[in-house]
Each structure stands twice: as structure tokens, then as C-alpha cells.
Amino acid sequence: MASTEEHSIVDEHTTQPVRTLIELRQRDDGTWVASQMDVDVEGTGETGALAAMDYCRWMAAGEYFDE
């Protein structure tokens, strides 16, 4: 179950009428990378879904914006 903080992050981001595309690529070793054009953040994982989740966690945490 999501925490109150996670709910507030979701609420904040779902009220913005924006569409985006996350690109998923499978590496030669079988792992996956999630990224977006013109964004210097990548998520990684054993599956495409886990890579996308990792990418979204980085973005939701604001790590990209602090650099």
C-alpha cells in the first residue's frame, strides 16, 4: 500500500495534463534500460517494467532536478 507521501507525489503529477514517452531498451546482457529523450536520467532493471519503475522513482524523487 502506498504511503501518504507517495499518494501526494502521485496526486501532484496526475493533475498535470502532460503526456510523455518512456523508451525501454533491452541490453545484450538481458537487463533493461528506461529513458526519455533529452533527459539525463536512466532507470535499470531485470525487466522492462522494473526499469520503468526505477526511472519513475528517480524522477519522482527529484534527483534529476537537483543536478
PDB file of N, CA and C in Angstrom:
ATOM      1  N   MET A   1       0.842  -1.175   0.000  1.00  0.00           N
ATOM      2  CA  MET A   1       0.000   0.000   0.000  1.00  0.00           C
ATOM      3  C   MET A   1       0.890   1.242   0.000  1.00  0.00           C
ATOM      4  N   ALA A   2       0.502   2.249  -0.739  1.00  0.00           N
ATOM      5  CA  ALA A   2       1.286   3.479  -0.864  1.00  0.00           C
ATOM      6  C   ALA A   2       1.187   4.321   0.404  1.00  0.00           C
ATOM      7  N   SER A   3       2.297   4.973   0.723  1.00  0.00           N
ATOM      8  CA  SER A   3       2.321   5.866   1.878  1.00  0.00           C
ATOM      9  C   SER A   3       1.635   7.185   1.529  1.00  0.00           C
ATOM     10  N   THR A   4       1.398   7.997   2.536  1.00  0.00           N
ATOM     11  CA  THR A   4       0.797   9.322   2.319  1.00  0.00           C
ATOM     12  C   THR A   4       1.688  10.164   1.422  1.00  0.00           C
ATOM     13  N   GLU A   5       2.997  10.089   1.636  1.00  0.00           N
ATOM     14  CA  GLU A   5       3.942  10.847   0.797  1.00  0.00           C
ATOM     15  C   GLU A   5       3.859  10.391  -0.662  1.00  0.00           C
ATOM     16  N   GLU A   6       3.783   9.077  -0.881  1.00  0.00           N
ATOM     17  CA  GLU A   6       3.671   8.560  -2.252  1.00  0.00           C
ATOM     18  C   GLU A   6       2.368   9.005  -2.898  1.00  0.00           C
ATOM     19  N   HIS A   7       1.277   9.020  -2.139  1.00  0.00           N
ATOM     20  CA  HIS A   7      -0.004   9.495  -2.671  1.00  0.00           C
ATOM     21  C   HIS A   7       0.088  10.956  -3.087  1.00  0.00           C
ATOM     22  N   SER A   8       0.778  11.781  -2.285  1.00  0.00           N
ATOM     23  CA  SER A   8       0.882  13.197  -2.629  1.00  0.00           C
ATOM     24  C   SER A   8       1.718  13.392  -3.887  1.00  0.00           C
ATOM     25  N   ILE A   9       2.748  12.573  -4.077  1.00  0.00           N
ATOM     26  CA  ILE A   9       3.545  12.641  -5.307  1.00  0.00           C
ATOM     27  C   ILE A   9       2.682  12.280  -6.503  1.00  0.00           C
ATOM     28  N   VAL A  10       1.908  11.215  -6.384  1.00  0.00           N
ATOM     29  CA  VAL A  10       1.028  10.794  -7.479  1.00  0.00           C
ATOM     30  C   VAL A  10      -0.009  11.869  -7.765  1.00  0.00           C
ATOM     31  N   ASP A  11      -0.645  12.399  -6.728  1.00  0.00           N
ATOM     32  CA  ASP A  11      -1.656  13.444  -6.919  1.00  0.00           C
ATOM     33  C   ASP A  11      -1.067  14.662  -7.613  1.00  0.00           C
ATOM     34  N   GLU A  12       0.133  15.054  -7.210  1.00  0.00           N
ATOM     35  CA  GLU A  12       0.788  16.227  -7.801  1.00  0.00           C
ATOM     36  C   GLU A  12       1.054  16.013  -9.284  1.00  0.00           C
ATOM     37  N   HIS A  13       1.506  14.825  -9.635  1.00  0.00           N
ATOM     38  CA  HIS A  13       1.875  14.562 -11.022  1.00  0.00           C
ATOM     39  C   HIS A  13       0.680  14.215 -11.906  1.00  0.00           C
ATOM     40  N   THR A  14      -0.391  13.686 -11.355  1.00  0.00           N
ATOM     41  CA  THR A  14      -1.530  13.312 -12.191  1.00  0.00           C
ATOM     42  C   THR A  14      -2.448  14.485 -12.484  1.00  0.00           C
ATOM     43  N   THR A  15      -2.291  15.576 -11.782  1.00  0.00           N
ATOM     44  CA  THR A  15      -3.132  16.739 -12.060  1.00  0.00           C
ATOM     45  C   THR A  15      -2.578  17.579 -13.205  1.00  0.00           C
ATOM     46  N   GLN A  16      -1.382  17.263 -13.664  1.00  0.00           N
ATOM     47  CA  GLN A  16      -0.771  17.998 -14.766  1.00  0.00           C
ATOM     48  C   GLN A  16      -1.117  17.301 -16.082  1.00  0.00           C
ATOM     49  N   PRO A  17      -1.778  17.996 -17.020  1.00  0.00           N
ATOM     50  CA  PRO A  17      -2.192  17.372 -18.282  1.00  0.00           C
ATOM     51  C   PRO A  17      -1.025  17.266 -19.267  1.00  0.00           C
ATOM     52  N   VAL A  18      -0.106  16.348 -19.003  1.00  0.00           N
ATOM     53  CA  VAL A  18       1.082  16.188 -19.831  1.00  0.00           C
ATOM     54  C   VAL A  18       1.220  14.723 -20.226  1.00  0.00           C
ATOM     55  N   ARG A  19       1.637  14.512 -21.461  1.00  0.00           N
ATOM     56  CA  ARG A  19       1.931  13.152 -21.912  1.00  0.00           C
ATOM     57  C   ARG A  19       3.427  13.032 -22.097  1.00  0.00           C
ATOM     58  N   THR A  20       3.938  11.845 -21.883  1.00  0.00           N
ATOM     59  CA  THR A  20       5.365  11.612 -22.062  1.00  0.00           C
ATOM     60  C   THR A  20       5.575  10.202 -22.585  1.00  0.00           C
ATOM     61  N   LEU A  21       6.742   9.955 -23.101  1.00  0.00           N
ATOM     62  CA  LEU A  21       7.082   8.646 -23.640  1.00  0.00           C
ATOM     63  C   LEU A  21       8.358   8.166 -22.969  1.00  0.00           C
ATOM     64  N   ILE A  22       8.299   7.008 -22.363  1.00  0.00           N
ATOM     65  CA  ILE A  22       9.479   6.393 -21.772  1.00  0.00           C
ATOM     66  C   ILE A  22       9.922   5.287 -22.715  1.00  0.00           C
ATOM     67  N   GLU A  23      11.176   5.357 -23.139  1.00  0.00           N
ATOM     68  CA  GLU A  23      11.732   4.361 -24.054  1.00  0.00           C
ATOM     69  C   GLU A  23      12.348   3.227 -23.250  1.00  0.00           C
ATOM     70  N   LEU A  24      12.029   1.993 -23.612  1.00  0.00           N
ATOM     71  CA  LEU A  24      12.598   0.813 -22.967  1.00  0.00           C
ATOM     72  C   LEU A  24      13.499   0.099 -23.966  1.00  0.00           C
ATOM     73  N   ARG A  25      14.744  -0.186 -23.549  1.00  0.00           N
ATOM     74  CA  ARG A  25      15.688  -0.896 -24.410  1.00  0.00           C
ATOM     75  C   ARG A  25      16.264  -2.077 -23.630  1.00  0.00           C
ATOM     76  N   GLN A  26      16.343  -3.218 -24.313  1.00  0.00           N
ATOM     77  CA  GLN A  26      16.957  -4.376 -23.680  1.00  0.00           C
ATOM     78  C   GLN A  26      18.438  -4.419 -24.060  1.00  0.00           C
ATOM     79  N   ARG A  27      19.289  -4.553 -23.064  1.00  0.00           N
ATOM     80  CA  ARG A  27      20.735  -4.644 -23.282  1.00  0.00           C
ATOM     81  C   ARG A  27      21.108  -6.053 -23.727  1.00  0.00           C
ATOM     82  N   ASP A  28      22.323  -6.194 -24.207  1.00  0.00           N
ATOM     83  CA  ASP A  28      22.822  -7.506 -24.633  1.00  0.00           C
ATOM     84  C   ASP A  28      22.840  -8.517 -23.492  1.00  0.00           C
ATOM     85  N   ASP A  29      23.018  -8.038 -22.259  1.00  0.00           N
ATOM     86  CA  ASP A  29      23.060  -8.952 -21.110  1.00  0.00           C
ATOM     87  C   ASP A  29      21.673  -9.329 -20.592  1.00  0.00           C
ATOM     88  N   GLY A  30      20.619  -8.817 -21.253  1.00  0.00           N
ATOM     89  CA  GLY A  30      19.252  -9.162 -20.871  1.00  0.00           C
ATOM     90  C   GLY A  30      18.590  -8.177 -19.928  1.00  0.00           C
ATOM     91  N   THR A  31      19.357  -7.265 -19.333  1.00  0.00           N
ATOM     92  CA  THR A  31      18.752  -6.254 -18.465  1.00  0.00           C
ATOM     93  C   THR A  31      18.124  -5.157 -19.320  1.00  0.00           C
ATOM     94  N   TRP A  32      17.321  -4.320 -18.680  1.00  0.00           N
ATOM     95  CA  TRP A  32      16.589  -3.282 -19.400  1.00  0.00           C
ATOM     96  C   TRP A  32      16.977  -1.897 -18.913  1.00  0.00           C
ATOM     97  N   VAL A  33      16.847  -0.918 -19.813  1.00  0.00           N
ATOM     98  CA  VAL A  33      17.112   0.486 -19.515  1.00  0.00           C
ATOM     99  C   VAL A  33      15.881   1.288 -19.911  1.00  0.00           C
ATOM    100  N   ALA A  34      15.448   2.184 -19.043  1.00  0.00           N
ATOM    101  CA  ALA A  34      14.334   3.094 -19.330  1.00  0.00           C
ATOM    102  C   ALA A  34      14.883   4.512 -19.380  1.00  0.00           C
ATOM    103  N   SER A  35      14.495   5.253 -20.413  1.00  0.00           N
ATOM    104  CA  SER A  35      14.976   6.630 -20.545  1.00  0.00           C
ATOM    105  C   SER A  35      13.965   7.451 -21.331  1.00  0.00           C
ATOM    106  N   GLN A  36      14.220   8.754 -21.388  1.00  0.00           N
ATOM    107  CA  GLN A  36      13.418   9.676 -22.188  1.00  0.00           C
ATOM    108  C   GLN A  36      14.354  10.559 -22.993  1.00  0.00           C
ATOM    109  N   MET A  37      13.900  10.970 -24.160  1.00  0.00           N
ATOM    110  CA  MET A  37      14.683  11.862 -24.992  1.00  0.00           C
ATOM    111  C   MET A  37      14.937  13.171 -24.243  1.00  0.00           C
ATOM    112  N   ASP A  38      16.168  13.642 -24.299  1.00  0.00           N
ATOM    113  CA  ASP A  38      16.583  14.918 -23.706  1.00  0.00           C
ATOM    114  C   ASP A  38      16.530  14.949 -22.182  1.00  0.00           C
ATOM    115  N   VAL A  39      16.518  13.789 -21.527  1.00  0.00           N
ATOM    116  CA  VAL A  39      16.552  13.715 -20.063  1.00  0.00           C
ATOM    117  C   VAL A  39      17.741  12.837 -19.680  1.00  0.00           C
ATOM    118  N   ASP A  40      18.618  13.358 -18.831  1.00  0.00           N
ATOM    119  CA  ASP A  40      19.837  12.640 -18.452  1.00  0.00           C
ATOM    120  C   ASP A  40      19.631  11.732 -17.244  1.00  0.00           C
ATOM    121  N   VAL A  41      18.560  10.959 -17.272  1.00  0.00           N
ATOM    122  CA  VAL A  41      18.260  10.006 -16.204  1.00  0.00           C
ATOM    123  C   VAL A  41      17.940   8.677 -16.866  1.00  0.00           C
ATOM    124  N   GLU A  42      18.436   7.585 -16.284  1.00  0.00           N
ATOM    125  CA  GLU A  42      18.099   6.247 -16.767  1.00  0.00           C
ATOM    126  C   GLU A  42      17.673   5.391 -15.586  1.00  0.00           C
ATOM    127  N   GLY A  43      16.690   4.560 -15.829  1.00  0.00           N
ATOM    128  CA  GLY A  43      16.310   3.548 -14.862  1.00  0.00           C
ATOM    129  C   GLY A  43      16.763   2.202 -15.397  1.00  0.00           C
ATOM    130  N   THR A  44      17.110   1.294 -14.519  1.00  0.00           N
ATOM    131  CA  THR A  44      17.554  -0.028 -14.951  1.00  0.00           C
ATOM    132  C   THR A  44      16.817  -1.099 -14.167  1.00  0.00           C
ATOM    133  N   GLY A  45      16.727  -2.284 -14.755  1.00  0.00           N
ATOM    134  CA  GLY A  45      16.075  -3.382 -14.068  1.00  0.00           C
ATOM    135  C   GLY A  45      16.178  -4.676 -14.845  1.00  0.00           C
ATOM    136  N   GLU A  46      15.806  -5.751 -14.187  1.00  0.00           N
ATOM    137  CA  GLU A  46      15.834  -7.071 -14.811  1.00  0.00           C
ATOM    138  C   GLU A  46      14.724  -7.242 -15.847  1.00  0.00           C
ATOM    139  N   THR A  47      13.693  -6.415 -15.755  1.00  0.00           N
ATOM    140  CA  THR A  47      12.602  -6.428 -16.738  1.00  0.00           C
ATOM    141  C   THR A  47      12.341  -4.989 -17.181  1.00  0.00           C
ATOM    142  N   GLY A  48      11.618  -4.840 -18.274  1.00  0.00           N
ATOM    143  CA  GLY A  48      11.256  -3.504 -18.728  1.00  0.00           C
ATOM    144  C   GLY A  48      10.433  -2.767 -17.687  1.00  0.00           C
ATOM    145  N   ALA A  49       9.527  -3.483 -17.046  1.00  0.00           N
ATOM    146  CA  ALA A  49       8.676  -2.854 -16.029  1.00  0.00           C
ATOM    147  C   ALA A  49       9.501  -2.360 -14.842  1.00  0.00           C
ATOM    148  N   LEU A  50      10.479  -3.148 -14.413  1.00  0.00           N
ATOM    149  CA  LEU A  50      11.328  -2.723 -13.294  1.00  0.00           C
ATOM    150  C   LEU A  50      12.212  -1.543 -13.680  1.00  0.00           C
ATOM    151  N   ALA A  51      12.678  -1.513 -14.919  1.00  0.00           N
ATOM    152  CA  ALA A  51      13.475  -0.371 -15.387  1.00  0.00           C
ATOM    153  C   ALA A  51      12.621   0.891 -15.419  1.00  0.00           C
ATOM    154  N   ALA A  52      11.385   0.776 -15.900  1.00  0.00           N
ATOM    155  CA  ALA A  52      10.478   1.933 -15.933  1.00  0.00           C
ATOM    156  C   ALA A  52      10.168   2.407 -14.518  1.00  0.00           C
ATOM    157  N   MET A  53       9.962   1.470 -13.602  1.00  0.00           N
ATOM    158  CA  MET A  53       9.687   1.828 -12.217  1.00  0.00           C
ATOM    159  C   MET A  53      10.892   2.548 -11.605  1.00  0.00           C
ATOM    160  N   ASP A  54      12.094   2.064 -11.875  1.00  0.00           N
ATOM    161  CA  ASP A  54      13.305   2.701 -11.368  1.00  0.00           C
ATOM    162  C   ASP A  54      13.435   4.116 -11.928  1.00  0.00           C
ATOM    163  N   TYR A  55      13.176   4.274 -13.210  1.00  0.00           N
ATOM    164  CA  TYR A  55      13.226   5.594 -13.844  1.00  0.00           C
ATOM    165  C   TYR A  55      12.222   6.541 -13.187  1.00  0.00           C
ATOM    166  N   CYS A  56      11.002   6.086 -13.002  1.00  0.00           N
ATOM    167  CA  CYS A  56       9.961   6.930 -12.403  1.00  0.00           C
ATOM    168  C   CYS A  56      10.293   7.298 -10.963  1.00  0.00           C
ATOM    169  N   ARG A  57      10.907   6.396 -10.230  1.00  0.00           N
ATOM    170  CA  ARG A  57      11.316   6.712  -8.850  1.00  0.00           C
ATOM    171  C   ARG A  57      12.358   7.822  -8.834  1.00  0.00           C
ATOM    172  N   TRP A  58      13.332   7.760  -9.757  1.00  0.00           N
ATOM    173  CA  TRP A  58      14.335   8.830  -9.845  1.00  0.00           C
ATOM    174  C   TRP A  58      13.663  10.162 -10.126  1.00  0.00           C
ATOM    175  N   MET A  59      12.745  10.175 -11.062  1.00  0.00           N
ATOM    176  CA  MET A  59      12.077  11.416 -11.444  1.00  0.00           C
ATOM    177  C   MET A  59      11.186  11.931 -10.310  1.00  0.00           C
ATOM    178  N   ALA A  60      10.438  11.042  -9.664  1.00  0.00           N
ATOM    179  CA  ALA A  60       9.544  11.448  -8.579  1.00  0.00           C
ATOM    180  C   ALA A  60      10.327  11.973  -7.378  1.00  0.00           C
ATOM    181  N   ALA A  61      11.514  11.422  -7.162  1.00  0.00           N
ATOM    182  CA  ALA A  61      12.343  11.861  -6.040  1.00  0.00           C
ATOM    183  C   ALA A  61      12.997  13.213  -6.307  1.00  0.00           C
ATOM    184  N   GLY A  62      12.933  13.672  -7.547  1.00  0.00           N
ATOM    185  CA  GLY A  62      13.517  14.962  -7.887  1.00  0.00           C
ATOM    186  C   GLY A  62      15.016  14.931  -8.072  1.00  0.00           C
ATOM    187  N   GLU A  63      15.602  13.738  -8.139  1.00  0.00           N
ATOM    188  CA  GLU A  63      17.053  13.613  -8.292  1.00  0.00           C
ATOM    189  C   GLU A  63      17.532  14.312  -9.560  1.00  0.00           C
ATOM    190  N   TYR A  64      16.776  14.212 -10.616  1.00  0.00           N
ATOM    191  CA  TYR A  64      17.162  14.815 -11.895  1.00  0.00           C
ATOM    192  C   TYR A  64      17.228  16.329 -11.787  1.00  0.00           C
ATOM    193  N   PHE A  65      16.310  16.920 -11.040  1.00  0.00           N
ATOM    194  CA  PHE A  65      16.202  18.370 -10.958  1.00  0.00           C
ATOM    195  C   PHE A  65      17.239  18.994 -10.038  1.00  0.00           C
ATOM    196  N   ASP A  66      17.870  18.195  -9.176  1.00  0.00           N
ATOM    197  CA  ASP A  66      18.859  18.718  -8.239  1.00  0.00           C
ATOM    198  C   ASP A  66      20.235  18.881  -8.875  1.00  0.00           C
ATOM    199  N   GLU A  67      20.453  18.286 -10.023  1.00  0.00           N
ATOM    200  CA  GLU A  67      21.777  18.330 -10.652  1.00  0.00           C
ATOM    201  C   GLU A  67      21.965  19.586 -11.449  1.00  0.00           C
TER     202      GLU A  67
END
